[in-house]
Amino acid sequence: MPDLHTPENIEAIPGNRLQFFPIMMFAITMGLSGLTIAYMKASELYGIPEIIGQSLVWLVSGIFCLIALTYLLKMILYPAEVKAEFQHPVRINFFAASTISLLLLAIIYLPIHRQVAFWLWIVGAAGHLYFTLNTLSFWINRNMEIRHSNPAWFIPIVGNIIVPVAGSAFVGKEILVFFFSVGLFFWIVMTAIIFNRIIFHHQMAAKFTPTLFIFIAPPAVGMVAYYKITHSFDFMTMTLLDLGIFFTFLVLFMFKNFIGLKFFISWWAFTFPMAAVTIAVMLAYHVTHLALYKWLGMVFLALATLVVGVVAWQTLRHMIKKEICVME
């Protein structure tokens, strides 16, 4: 009798695609949420039709619910596989993408339905604090290897910086600064670790190359969060903004590194950072009214749209070919 668990016969196992549904799928809602927020802001600043942002709200809400329900079903039917992901030195970092998605949805729904946004933020902030503590404990209690490190490590720790963006509408500075401080501190620590790994050790696996874009997100989101807390476009605000812009220029300068990459779900790491820096630049234009930020924001919005469009198309294409949610 043939072994149905071999890669050649993997399609013969009923329900196996659910079994291999990866936690990284929440990166899809991160990217789409970022683009949605960017278009909502662009309609205010550039006069772009509101229907684009409104349509994206429904799209990202539906996709988030679909991904969340699918992973919940996996938790019920395949708890061992979920536990394995939760104890994996790389995949554990992507569990925080689910709570970051909730926080981004809270930002989206804040001007639409304040009560919905509040509960999304509460669950997202509490959940993200848990994932932060759990991930740090995991790193401390395990013998981590340098080859396991990659920019995805930013997700559970630096994701705390996102909490004040929507949270400024609900709670005082004491809570907002707590999350911002944690994210800011570990952003500096993680940057040193990841740069050490990239420069002085073997190159990352090809599937993690898109995660280089994640370097853009911490300073870009940090700039927005800092402004939400202080309501001041000061030296710190400009420093964070300029760092986000610099990292964007850096990864665009390295475009040859991303040409010809085989598709992985990690391609969604391209999307949220581009949307984040777009939002940061548009906020700078909203505050300063400088033409430089206006045009840079428009260029970044076009790039973010192109990136999300290409990655979404490739995702759909590989889903149709049944090349996603399979055994690695």
C-alpha atoms as a PDB file:
ATOM      1  CA  MET A   1       0.000   0.000   0.000  1.00  0.00           C
ATOM      2  CA  PRO A   2       1.462   3.417  -0.928  1.00  0.00           C
ATOM      3  CA  ASP A   3       2.329   5.864   1.813  1.00  0.00           C
ATOM      4  CA  LEU A   4      -0.263   8.628   1.531  1.00  0.00           C
ATOM      5  CA  HIS A   5       1.887  10.911   3.684  1.00  0.00           C
ATOM      6  CA  THR A   6       4.632  11.242   1.090  1.00  0.00           C
ATOM      7  CA  PRO A   7       4.822  14.548  -0.805  1.00  0.00           C
ATOM      8  CA  GLU A   8       3.865  12.742  -4.034  1.00  0.00           C
ATOM      9  CA  ASN A   9       0.545  11.657  -2.547  1.00  0.00           C
ATOM     10  CA  ILE A  10      -0.140  14.654  -0.326  1.00  0.00           C
ATOM     11  CA  GLU A  11      -3.254  15.631  -2.327  1.00  0.00           C
ATOM     12  CA  ALA A  12      -4.783  12.251  -1.479  1.00  0.00           C
ATOM     13  CA  ILE A  13      -5.160  13.110   2.201  1.00  0.00           C
ATOM     14  CA  PRO A  14      -8.634  14.576   2.888  1.00  0.00           C
ATOM     15  CA  GLY A  15      -8.473  17.969   4.540  1.00  0.00           C
ATOM     16  CA  ASN A  16      -4.683  18.174   4.335  1.00  0.00           C
ATOM     17  CA  ARG A  17      -4.768  21.695   2.871  1.00  0.00           C
ATOM     18  CA  LEU A  18      -6.391  22.929   6.075  1.00  0.00           C
ATOM     19  CA  GLN A  19      -3.757  21.039   8.034  1.00  0.00           C
ATOM     20  CA  PHE A  20      -1.020  23.066   6.307  1.00  0.00           C
ATOM     21  CA  PHE A  21      -2.840  26.410   6.410  1.00  0.00           C
ATOM     22  CA  PRO A  22      -0.015  28.663   7.702  1.00  0.00           C
ATOM     23  CA  ILE A  23      -0.251  31.330  10.382  1.00  0.00           C
ATOM     24  CA  MET A  24       1.627  33.573   7.931  1.00  0.00           C
ATOM     25  CA  MET A  25      -1.670  34.066   6.068  1.00  0.00           C
ATOM     26  CA  PHE A  26      -2.451  36.905   8.493  1.00  0.00           C
ATOM     27  CA  ALA A  27       0.263  38.890   6.709  1.00  0.00           C
ATOM     28  CA  ILE A  28      -2.299  39.244   3.908  1.00  0.00           C
ATOM     29  CA  THR A  29      -4.650  41.249   6.117  1.00  0.00           C
ATOM     30  CA  MET A  30      -1.749  43.347   7.367  1.00  0.00           C
ATOM     31  CA  GLY A  31      -0.860  44.363   3.820  1.00  0.00           C
ATOM     32  CA  LEU A  32      -4.432  44.974   2.718  1.00  0.00           C
ATOM     33  CA  SER A  33      -5.232  46.913   5.904  1.00  0.00           C
ATOM     34  CA  GLY A  34      -2.236  49.169   5.373  1.00  0.00           C
ATOM     35  CA  LEU A  35      -3.297  49.902   1.802  1.00  0.00           C
ATOM     36  CA  THR A  36      -6.880  50.547   2.954  1.00  0.00           C
ATOM     37  CA  ILE A  37      -5.727  53.115   5.505  1.00  0.00           C
ATOM     38  CA  ALA A  38      -3.503  54.738   2.877  1.00  0.00           C
ATOM     39  CA  TYR A  39      -6.415  55.159   0.458  1.00  0.00           C
ATOM     40  CA  MET A  40      -8.709  56.452   3.188  1.00  0.00           C
ATOM     41  CA  LYS A  41      -6.115  59.154   3.933  1.00  0.00           C
ATOM     42  CA  ALA A  42      -5.477  59.780   0.244  1.00  0.00           C
ATOM     43  CA  SER A  43      -9.145  60.546  -0.329  1.00  0.00           C
ATOM     44  CA  GLU A  44      -8.861  63.345   2.256  1.00  0.00           C
ATOM     45  CA  LEU A  45      -5.547  64.756   1.028  1.00  0.00           C
ATOM     46  CA  TYR A  46      -5.518  64.122  -2.716  1.00  0.00           C
ATOM     47  CA  GLY A  47      -9.196  63.953  -3.571  1.00  0.00           C
ATOM     48  CA  ILE A  48      -9.019  60.316  -4.623  1.00  0.00           C
ATOM     49  CA  PRO A  49     -12.554  58.853  -4.883  1.00  0.00           C
ATOM     50  CA  GLU A  50     -13.741  57.559  -1.501  1.00  0.00           C
ATOM     51  CA  ILE A  51     -15.219  54.462  -3.154  1.00  0.00           C
ATOM     52  CA  ILE A  52     -11.715  52.969  -3.408  1.00  0.00           C
ATOM     53  CA  GLY A  53     -11.106  53.131   0.330  1.00  0.00           C
ATOM     54  CA  GLN A  54     -14.670  52.035   1.117  1.00  0.00           C
ATOM     55  CA  SER A  55     -14.364  49.016  -1.156  1.00  0.00           C
ATOM     56  CA  LEU A  56     -11.064  48.067   0.432  1.00  0.00           C
ATOM     57  CA  VAL A  57     -12.685  48.232   3.884  1.00  0.00           C
ATOM     58  CA  TRP A  58     -15.187  45.558   2.894  1.00  0.00           C
ATOM     59  CA  LEU A  59     -12.516  43.510   1.139  1.00  0.00           C
ATOM     60  CA  VAL A  60     -10.025  43.432   4.017  1.00  0.00           C
ATOM     61  CA  SER A  61     -12.792  42.827   6.593  1.00  0.00           C
ATOM     62  CA  GLY A  62     -14.052  39.837   4.640  1.00  0.00           C
ATOM     63  CA  ILE A  63     -10.586  38.389   4.053  1.00  0.00           C
ATOM     64  CA  PHE A  64      -9.651  38.793   7.719  1.00  0.00           C
ATOM     65  CA  CYS A  65     -12.800  36.959   8.821  1.00  0.00           C
ATOM     66  CA  LEU A  66     -12.131  34.203   6.276  1.00  0.00           C
ATOM     67  CA  ILE A  67      -8.520  33.725   7.397  1.00  0.00           C
ATOM     68  CA  ALA A  68      -9.416  33.903  11.104  1.00  0.00           C
ATOM     69  CA  LEU A  69     -12.238  31.358  10.776  1.00  0.00           C
ATOM     70  CA  THR A  70     -10.071  29.039   8.686  1.00  0.00           C
ATOM     71  CA  TYR A  71      -7.261  29.111  11.228  1.00  0.00           C
ATOM     72  CA  LEU A  72      -9.759  28.625  14.063  1.00  0.00           C
ATOM     73  CA  LEU A  73     -11.007  25.522  12.259  1.00  0.00           C
ATOM     74  CA  LYS A  74      -7.413  24.320  11.965  1.00  0.00           C
ATOM     75  CA  MET A  75      -6.984  24.840  15.714  1.00  0.00           C
ATOM     76  CA  ILE A  76     -10.009  22.607  16.327  1.00  0.00           C
ATOM     77  CA  LEU A  77      -9.186  19.862  13.832  1.00  0.00           C
ATOM     78  CA  TYR A  78      -5.394  19.932  13.840  1.00  0.00           C
ATOM     79  CA  PRO A  79      -4.264  21.204  17.271  1.00  0.00           C
ATOM     80  CA  ALA A  80      -0.922  19.392  17.003  1.00  0.00           C
ATOM     81  CA  GLU A  81      -0.012  21.334  13.851  1.00  0.00           C
ATOM     82  CA  VAL A  82      -0.973  24.636  15.498  1.00  0.00           C
ATOM     83  CA  LYS A  83       1.122  23.755  18.542  1.00  0.00           C
ATOM     84  CA  ALA A  84       4.059  22.939  16.256  1.00  0.00           C
ATOM     85  CA  GLU A  85       3.775  26.359  14.601  1.00  0.00           C
ATOM     86  CA  PHE A  86       3.557  28.037  18.004  1.00  0.00           C
ATOM     87  CA  GLN A  87       6.824  26.377  19.007  1.00  0.00           C
ATOM     88  CA  HIS A  88       8.611  26.935  15.701  1.00  0.00           C
ATOM     89  CA  PRO A  89      11.537  29.423  15.970  1.00  0.00           C
ATOM     90  CA  VAL A  90      10.401  31.309  12.851  1.00  0.00           C
ATOM     91  CA  ARG A  91       6.643  30.786  12.602  1.00  0.00           C
ATOM     92  CA  ILE A  92       5.999  31.830  16.192  1.00  0.00           C
ATOM     93  CA  ASN A  93       6.671  35.420  15.140  1.00  0.00           C
ATOM     94  CA  PHE A  94       3.726  35.421  12.732  1.00  0.00           C
ATOM     95  CA  PHE A  95       1.092  34.747  15.390  1.00  0.00           C
ATOM     96  CA  ALA A  96       1.376  38.435  16.266  1.00  0.00           C
ATOM     97  CA  ALA A  97       0.292  39.254  12.708  1.00  0.00           C
ATOM     98  CA  SER A  98      -3.229  38.296  13.797  1.00  0.00           C
ATOM     99  CA  THR A  99      -3.317  40.880  16.591  1.00  0.00           C
ATOM    100  CA  ILE A 100      -1.624  43.492  14.411  1.00  0.00           C
ATOM    101  CA  SER A 101      -4.408  42.883  11.895  1.00  0.00           C
ATOM    102  CA  LEU A 102      -6.963  43.627  14.623  1.00  0.00           C
ATOM    103  CA  LEU A 103      -5.144  46.850  15.522  1.00  0.00           C
ATOM    104  CA  LEU A 104      -5.063  47.932  11.876  1.00  0.00           C
ATOM    105  CA  LEU A 105      -8.756  47.136  11.516  1.00  0.00           C
ATOM    106  CA  ALA A 106      -9.361  49.310  14.582  1.00  0.00           C
ATOM    107  CA  ILE A 107      -7.653  52.194  12.760  1.00  0.00           C
ATOM    108  CA  ILE A 108      -9.801  51.533   9.697  1.00  0.00           C
ATOM    109  CA  TYR A 109     -13.078  51.427  11.629  1.00  0.00           C
ATOM    110  CA  LEU A 110     -12.356  54.384  13.901  1.00  0.00           C
ATOM    111  CA  PRO A 111     -13.993  56.957  11.544  1.00  0.00           C
ATOM    112  CA  ILE A 112     -16.695  54.449  10.565  1.00  0.00           C
ATOM    113  CA  HIS A 113     -17.903  52.901  13.836  1.00  0.00           C
ATOM    114  CA  ARG A 114     -16.139  53.971  17.018  1.00  0.00           C
ATOM    115  CA  GLN A 115     -17.520  51.156  19.202  1.00  0.00           C
ATOM    116  CA  VAL A 116     -16.375  48.461  16.762  1.00  0.00           C
ATOM    117  CA  ALA A 117     -12.960  50.114  16.576  1.00  0.00           C
ATOM    118  CA  PHE A 118     -12.746  50.187  20.369  1.00  0.00           C
ATOM    119  CA  TRP A 119     -13.311  46.441  20.777  1.00  0.00           C
ATOM    120  CA  LEU A 120     -10.976  45.626  17.907  1.00  0.00           C
ATOM    121  CA  TRP A 121      -8.316  47.726  19.627  1.00  0.00           C
ATOM    122  CA  ILE A 122      -8.917  46.200  23.080  1.00  0.00           C
ATOM    123  CA  VAL A 123      -8.630  42.630  21.810  1.00  0.00           C
ATOM    124  CA  GLY A 124      -5.730  43.512  19.528  1.00  0.00           C
ATOM    125  CA  ALA A 125      -3.715  45.346  22.194  1.00  0.00           C
ATOM    126  CA  ALA A 126      -4.279  42.697  24.878  1.00  0.00           C
ATOM    127  CA  GLY A 127      -3.520  39.891  22.461  1.00  0.00           C
ATOM    128  CA  HIS A 128      -0.402  41.581  21.187  1.00  0.00           C
ATOM    129  CA  LEU A 129       0.917  42.100  24.713  1.00  0.00           C
ATOM    130  CA  TYR A 130       0.491  38.361  25.263  1.00  0.00           C
ATOM    131  CA  PHE A 131       2.360  37.479  22.066  1.00  0.00           C
ATOM    132  CA  THR A 132       5.118  39.924  23.003  1.00  0.00           C
ATOM    133  CA  LEU A 133       5.622  38.315  26.415  1.00  0.00           C
ATOM    134  CA  ASN A 134       5.333  34.807  25.006  1.00  0.00           C
ATOM    135  CA  THR A 135       7.823  35.440  22.190  1.00  0.00           C
ATOM    136  CA  LEU A 136      10.390  37.025  24.481  1.00  0.00           C
ATOM    137  CA  SER A 137      10.006  34.117  26.904  1.00  0.00           C
ATOM    138  CA  PHE A 138      10.429  31.705  24.007  1.00  0.00           C
ATOM    139  CA  TRP A 139      13.684  33.379  22.924  1.00  0.00           C
ATOM    140  CA  ILE A 140      15.030  33.464  26.488  1.00  0.00           C
ATOM    141  CA  ASN A 141      14.191  29.843  27.303  1.00  0.00           C
ATOM    142  CA  ARG A 142      15.382  28.317  24.042  1.00  0.00           C
ATOM    143  CA  ASN A 143      18.842  28.011  22.520  1.00  0.00           C
ATOM    144  CA  MET A 144      18.104  30.174  19.503  1.00  0.00           C
ATOM    145  CA  GLU A 145      20.455  29.999  16.518  1.00  0.00           C
ATOM    146  CA  ILE A 146      21.526  32.995  14.450  1.00  0.00           C
ATOM    147  CA  ARG A 147      20.190  31.310  11.296  1.00  0.00           C
ATOM    148  CA  HIS A 148      16.678  31.482  12.757  1.00  0.00           C
ATOM    149  CA  SER A 149      16.783  35.283  12.939  1.00  0.00           C
ATOM    150  CA  ASN A 150      15.292  37.352  10.138  1.00  0.00           C
ATOM    151  CA  PRO A 151      13.358  40.636   9.893  1.00  0.00           C
ATOM    152  CA  ALA A 152      10.109  38.794  10.713  1.00  0.00           C
ATOM    153  CA  TRP A 153      11.334  38.921  14.313  1.00  0.00           C
ATOM    154  CA  PHE A 154      10.220  42.556  14.281  1.00  0.00           C
ATOM    155  CA  ILE A 155       6.553  41.529  14.049  1.00  0.00           C
ATOM    156  CA  PRO A 156       5.708  40.460  17.637  1.00  0.00           C
ATOM    157  CA  ILE A 157       7.956  42.966  19.387  1.00  0.00           C
ATOM    158  CA  VAL A 158       7.944  46.132  17.322  1.00  0.00           C
ATOM    159  CA  GLY A 159       4.246  45.628  16.591  1.00  0.00           C
ATOM    160  CA  ASN A 160       3.653  47.291  19.945  1.00  0.00           C
ATOM    161  CA  ILE A 161       4.315  50.618  18.206  1.00  0.00           C
ATOM    162  CA  ILE A 162       1.043  50.192  16.290  1.00  0.00           C
ATOM    163  CA  VAL A 163      -1.020  50.110  19.504  1.00  0.00           C
ATOM    164  CA  PRO A 164      -0.941  53.916  20.112  1.00  0.00           C
ATOM    165  CA  VAL A 165      -2.067  54.770  16.567  1.00  0.00           C
ATOM    166  CA  ALA A 166      -5.699  53.795  17.189  1.00  0.00           C
ATOM    167  CA  GLY A 167      -5.377  53.728  20.967  1.00  0.00           C
ATOM    168  CA  SER A 168      -4.927  57.494  21.174  1.00  0.00           C
ATOM    169  CA  ALA A 169      -8.679  57.779  20.651  1.00  0.00           C
ATOM    170  CA  PHE A 170      -9.524  55.550  23.619  1.00  0.00           C
ATOM    171  CA  VAL A 171      -6.941  55.680  26.423  1.00  0.00           C
ATOM    172  CA  GLY A 172      -4.477  58.049  28.059  1.00  0.00           C
ATOM    173  CA  LYS A 173      -0.793  58.555  27.348  1.00  0.00           C
ATOM    174  CA  GLU A 174       0.281  56.245  30.173  1.00  0.00           C
ATOM    175  CA  ILE A 175      -0.856  53.124  28.301  1.00  0.00           C
ATOM    176  CA  LEU A 176       0.152  54.426  24.891  1.00  0.00           C
ATOM    177  CA  VAL A 177       3.684  55.293  26.002  1.00  0.00           C
ATOM    178  CA  PHE A 178       4.025  51.849  27.625  1.00  0.00           C
ATOM    179  CA  PHE A 179       3.468  50.073  24.317  1.00  0.00           C
ATOM    180  CA  PHE A 180       5.463  52.644  22.356  1.00  0.00           C
ATOM    181  CA  SER A 181       8.442  52.307  24.716  1.00  0.00           C
ATOM    182  CA  VAL A 182       8.498  48.528  24.437  1.00  0.00           C
ATOM    183  CA  GLY A 183       8.338  48.669  20.644  1.00  0.00           C
ATOM    184  CA  LEU A 184      10.948  51.423  20.357  1.00  0.00           C
ATOM    185  CA  PHE A 185      13.445  49.684  22.650  1.00  0.00           C
ATOM    186  CA  PHE A 186      13.205  46.314  20.957  1.00  0.00           C
ATOM    187  CA  TRP A 187      13.277  47.902  17.507  1.00  0.00           C
ATOM    188  CA  ILE A 188      16.797  49.126  18.304  1.00  0.00           C
ATOM    189  CA  VAL A 189      17.808  45.758  19.780  1.00  0.00           C
ATOM    190  CA  MET A 190      16.323  43.727  16.928  1.00  0.00           C
ATOM    191  CA  THR A 191      17.878  45.979  14.281  1.00  0.00           C
ATOM    192  CA  ALA A 192      21.341  45.304  15.714  1.00  0.00           C
ATOM    193  CA  ILE A 193      20.717  41.554  15.855  1.00  0.00           C
ATOM    194  CA  ILE A 194      19.267  41.274  12.357  1.00  0.00           C
ATOM    195  CA  PHE A 195      21.954  43.427  10.746  1.00  0.00           C
ATOM    196  CA  ASN A 196      24.592  41.300  12.461  1.00  0.00           C
ATOM    197  CA  ARG A 197      22.952  38.187  11.032  1.00  0.00           C
ATOM    198  CA  ILE A 198      22.626  39.638   7.519  1.00  0.00           C
ATOM    199  CA  ILE A 199      26.129  41.081   7.253  1.00  0.00           C
ATOM    200  CA  PHE A 200      28.317  38.593   9.117  1.00  0.00           C
ATOM    201  CA  HIS A 201      26.542  35.268   8.568  1.00  0.00           C
ATOM    202  CA  HIS A 202      25.128  33.185   5.730  1.00  0.00           C
ATOM    203  CA  GLN A 203      22.490  34.745   3.516  1.00  0.00           C
ATOM    204  CA  MET A 204      18.866  34.187   4.469  1.00  0.00           C
ATOM    205  CA  ALA A 205      16.818  31.563   2.672  1.00  0.00           C
ATOM    206  CA  ALA A 206      15.184  32.908  -0.494  1.00  0.00           C
ATOM    207  CA  LYS A 207      11.702  32.729   1.047  1.00  0.00           C
ATOM    208  CA  PHE A 208      12.771  35.283   3.682  1.00  0.00           C
ATOM    209  CA  THR A 209      14.259  37.801   1.247  1.00  0.00           C
ATOM    210  CA  PRO A 210      10.970  39.773   1.054  1.00  0.00           C
ATOM    211  CA  THR A 211      11.139  40.295   4.824  1.00  0.00           C
ATOM    212  CA  LEU A 212      13.912  42.843   4.224  1.00  0.00           C
ATOM    213  CA  PHE A 213      11.057  45.273   3.523  1.00  0.00           C
ATOM    214  CA  ILE A 214      10.050  44.943   7.186  1.00  0.00           C
ATOM    215  CA  PHE A 215      12.930  47.284   8.059  1.00  0.00           C
ATOM    216  CA  ILE A 216      10.736  50.086   6.668  1.00  0.00           C
ATOM    217  CA  ALA A 217       7.812  49.504   9.021  1.00  0.00           C
ATOM    218  CA  PRO A 218       9.151  50.261  12.547  1.00  0.00           C
ATOM    219  CA  PRO A 219      10.305  53.848  11.898  1.00  0.00           C
ATOM    220  CA  ALA A 220       7.357  54.595   9.595  1.00  0.00           C
ATOM    221  CA  VAL A 221       4.740  53.338  12.065  1.00  0.00           C
ATOM    222  CA  GLY A 222       6.804  54.795  14.913  1.00  0.00           C
ATOM    223  CA  MET A 223       6.546  58.236  13.347  1.00  0.00           C
ATOM    224  CA  VAL A 224       2.739  58.001  13.168  1.00  0.00           C
ATOM    225  CA  ALA A 225       2.486  56.645  16.723  1.00  0.00           C
ATOM    226  CA  TYR A 226       4.814  59.304  18.123  1.00  0.00           C
ATOM    227  CA  TYR A 227       2.775  62.052  16.465  1.00  0.00           C
ATOM    228  CA  LYS A 228      -0.471  60.553  17.812  1.00  0.00           C
ATOM    229  CA  ILE A 229       0.971  60.617  21.333  1.00  0.00           C
ATOM    230  CA  THR A 230       2.656  64.041  21.264  1.00  0.00           C
ATOM    231  CA  HIS A 231       0.723  65.897  18.530  1.00  0.00           C
ATOM    232  CA  SER A 232       4.066  67.450  17.642  1.00  0.00           C
ATOM    233  CA  PHE A 233       5.964  67.371  14.354  1.00  0.00           C
ATOM    234  CA  ASP A 234       9.335  67.809  16.032  1.00  0.00           C
ATOM    235  CA  PHE A 235      12.869  66.487  15.589  1.00  0.00           C
ATOM    236  CA  MET A 236      11.927  62.979  16.751  1.00  0.00           C
ATOM    237  CA  THR A 237       8.988  62.837  14.346  1.00  0.00           C
ATOM    238  CA  MET A 238      11.169  63.881  11.426  1.00  0.00           C
ATOM    239  CA  THR A 239      13.929  61.443  12.428  1.00  0.00           C
ATOM    240  CA  LEU A 240      11.569  58.476  12.445  1.00  0.00           C
ATOM    241  CA  LEU A 241       9.998  59.588   9.168  1.00  0.00           C
ATOM    242  CA  ASP A 242      13.358  60.027   7.459  1.00  0.00           C
ATOM    243  CA  LEU A 243      14.534  56.612   8.649  1.00  0.00           C
ATOM    244  CA  GLY A 244      11.431  55.056   7.144  1.00  0.00           C
ATOM    245  CA  ILE A 245      12.053  56.869   3.863  1.00  0.00           C
ATOM    246  CA  PHE A 246      15.733  55.867   3.896  1.00  0.00           C
ATOM    247  CA  PHE A 247      14.960  52.159   4.371  1.00  0.00           C
ATOM    248  CA  THR A 248      12.438  52.441   1.532  1.00  0.00           C
ATOM    249  CA  PHE A 249      15.121  53.870  -0.736  1.00  0.00           C
ATOM    250  CA  LEU A 250      17.512  51.141   0.418  1.00  0.00           C
ATOM    251  CA  VAL A 251      15.264  48.197  -0.481  1.00  0.00           C
ATOM    252  CA  LEU A 252      14.258  49.869  -3.765  1.00  0.00           C
ATOM    253  CA  PHE A 253      17.967  50.356  -4.540  1.00  0.00           C
ATOM    254  CA  MET A 254      18.399  46.606  -3.976  1.00  0.00           C
ATOM    255  CA  PHE A 255      15.590  45.742  -6.398  1.00  0.00           C
ATOM    256  CA  LYS A 256      17.739  43.133  -8.143  1.00  0.00           C
ATOM    257  CA  ASN A 257      17.602  41.030  -4.965  1.00  0.00           C
ATOM    258  CA  PHE A 258      13.865  40.580  -5.438  1.00  0.00           C
ATOM    259  CA  ILE A 259      13.757  39.856  -9.173  1.00  0.00           C
ATOM    260  CA  GLY A 260      13.177  36.228 -10.031  1.00  0.00           C
ATOM    261  CA  LEU A 261      12.247  35.139  -6.522  1.00  0.00           C
ATOM    262  CA  LYS A 262      10.082  32.050  -6.336  1.00  0.00           C
ATOM    263  CA  PHE A 263       6.667  32.864  -4.898  1.00  0.00           C
ATOM    264  CA  PHE A 264       6.129  32.224  -1.207  1.00  0.00           C
ATOM    265  CA  ILE A 265       3.390  33.553   1.064  1.00  0.00           C
ATOM    266  CA  SER A 266       6.208  35.632   2.592  1.00  0.00           C
ATOM    267  CA  TRP A 267       5.856  37.929  -0.440  1.00  0.00           C
ATOM    268  CA  TRP A 268       3.191  39.700   1.620  1.00  0.00           C
ATOM    269  CA  ALA A 269       6.085  41.115   3.639  1.00  0.00           C
ATOM    270  CA  PHE A 270       6.511  43.511   0.704  1.00  0.00           C
ATOM    271  CA  THR A 271       3.100  45.067   1.258  1.00  0.00           C
ATOM    272  CA  PHE A 272       2.513  46.421   4.764  1.00  0.00           C
ATOM    273  CA  PRO A 273       5.870  48.268   5.025  1.00  0.00           C
ATOM    274  CA  MET A 274       5.207  50.070   1.725  1.00  0.00           C
ATOM    275  CA  ALA A 275       1.751  51.066   2.936  1.00  0.00           C
ATOM    276  CA  ALA A 276       3.176  52.154   6.307  1.00  0.00           C
ATOM    277  CA  VAL A 277       5.741  54.536   4.845  1.00  0.00           C
ATOM    278  CA  THR A 278       3.074  55.890   2.486  1.00  0.00           C
ATOM    279  CA  ILE A 279       0.809  56.694   5.442  1.00  0.00           C
ATOM    280  CA  ALA A 280       3.707  58.309   7.329  1.00  0.00           C
ATOM    281  CA  VAL A 281       4.614  60.559   4.398  1.00  0.00           C
ATOM    282  CA  MET A 282       0.971  61.542   3.875  1.00  0.00           C
ATOM    283  CA  LEU A 283       0.708  62.437   7.566  1.00  0.00           C
ATOM    284  CA  ALA A 284       3.803  64.617   7.148  1.00  0.00           C
ATOM    285  CA  TYR A 285       2.126  66.363   4.209  1.00  0.00           C
ATOM    286  CA  HIS A 286      -1.097  66.798   6.209  1.00  0.00           C
ATOM    287  CA  VAL A 287       0.833  68.541   9.011  1.00  0.00           C
ATOM    288  CA  THR A 288       3.423  70.537   7.037  1.00  0.00           C
ATOM    289  CA  HIS A 289       1.740  71.054   3.639  1.00  0.00           C
ATOM    290  CA  LEU A 290       5.161  70.706   2.015  1.00  0.00           C
ATOM    291  CA  ALA A 291       5.048  69.818  -1.680  1.00  0.00           C
ATOM    292  CA  LEU A 292       7.921  67.370  -1.169  1.00  0.00           C
ATOM    293  CA  TYR A 293       5.809  65.179   1.080  1.00  0.00           C
ATOM    294  CA  LYS A 294       2.783  65.573  -1.183  1.00  0.00           C
ATOM    295  CA  TRP A 295       4.510  64.183  -4.260  1.00  0.00           C
ATOM    296  CA  LEU A 296       6.488  61.580  -2.355  1.00  0.00           C
ATOM    297  CA  GLY A 297       3.260  60.348  -0.792  1.00  0.00           C
ATOM    298  CA  MET A 298       1.651  60.022  -4.213  1.00  0.00           C
ATOM    299  CA  VAL A 299       4.632  58.087  -5.570  1.00  0.00           C
ATOM    300  CA  PHE A 300       4.686  55.760  -2.560  1.00  0.00           C
ATOM    301  CA  LEU A 301       0.909  55.232  -2.838  1.00  0.00           C
ATOM    302  CA  ALA A 302       1.324  54.193  -6.471  1.00  0.00           C
ATOM    303  CA  LEU A 303       4.177  51.832  -5.522  1.00  0.00           C
ATOM    304  CA  ALA A 304       2.210  50.355  -2.622  1.00  0.00           C
ATOM    305  CA  THR A 305      -0.778  49.763  -4.889  1.00  0.00           C
ATOM    306  CA  LEU A 306       1.418  48.106  -7.508  1.00  0.00           C
ATOM    307  CA  VAL A 307       3.130  45.893  -4.918  1.00  0.00           C
ATOM    308  CA  VAL A 308      -0.151  44.781  -3.308  1.00  0.00           C
ATOM    309  CA  GLY A 309      -1.675  44.165  -6.732  1.00  0.00           C
ATOM    310  CA  VAL A 310       1.213  41.999  -7.927  1.00  0.00           C
ATOM    311  CA  VAL A 311       1.439  40.014  -4.685  1.00  0.00           C
ATOM    312  CA  ALA A 312      -2.355  39.508  -4.548  1.00  0.00           C
ATOM    313  CA  TRP A 313      -2.387  38.294  -8.158  1.00  0.00           C
ATOM    314  CA  GLN A 314       0.479  35.870  -7.515  1.00  0.00           C
ATOM    315  CA  THR A 315      -1.276  34.608  -4.388  1.00  0.00           C
ATOM    316  CA  LEU A 316      -4.509  33.934  -6.266  1.00  0.00           C
ATOM    317  CA  ARG A 317      -2.613  32.279  -9.116  1.00  0.00           C
ATOM    318  CA  HIS A 318      -0.771  29.905  -6.797  1.00  0.00           C
ATOM    319  CA  MET A 319      -3.926  29.186  -4.817  1.00  0.00           C
ATOM    320  CA  ILE A 320      -5.635  28.093  -8.017  1.00  0.00           C
ATOM    321  CA  LYS A 321      -2.641  25.879  -8.777  1.00  0.00           C
ATOM    322  CA  LYS A 322      -2.897  24.464  -5.226  1.00  0.00           C
ATOM    323  CA  GLU A 323       0.664  25.468  -4.392  1.00  0.00           C
ATOM    324  CA  ILE A 324      -0.286  27.201  -1.139  1.00  0.00           C
ATOM    325  CA  CYS A 325      -1.159  25.359   2.088  1.00  0.00           C
ATOM    326  CA  VAL A 326       0.954  22.316   1.253  1.00  0.00           C
ATOM    327  CA  MET A 327       3.640  20.470   3.152  1.00  0.00           C
ATOM    328  CA  GLU A 328       7.000  22.239   3.041  1.00  0.00           C
END
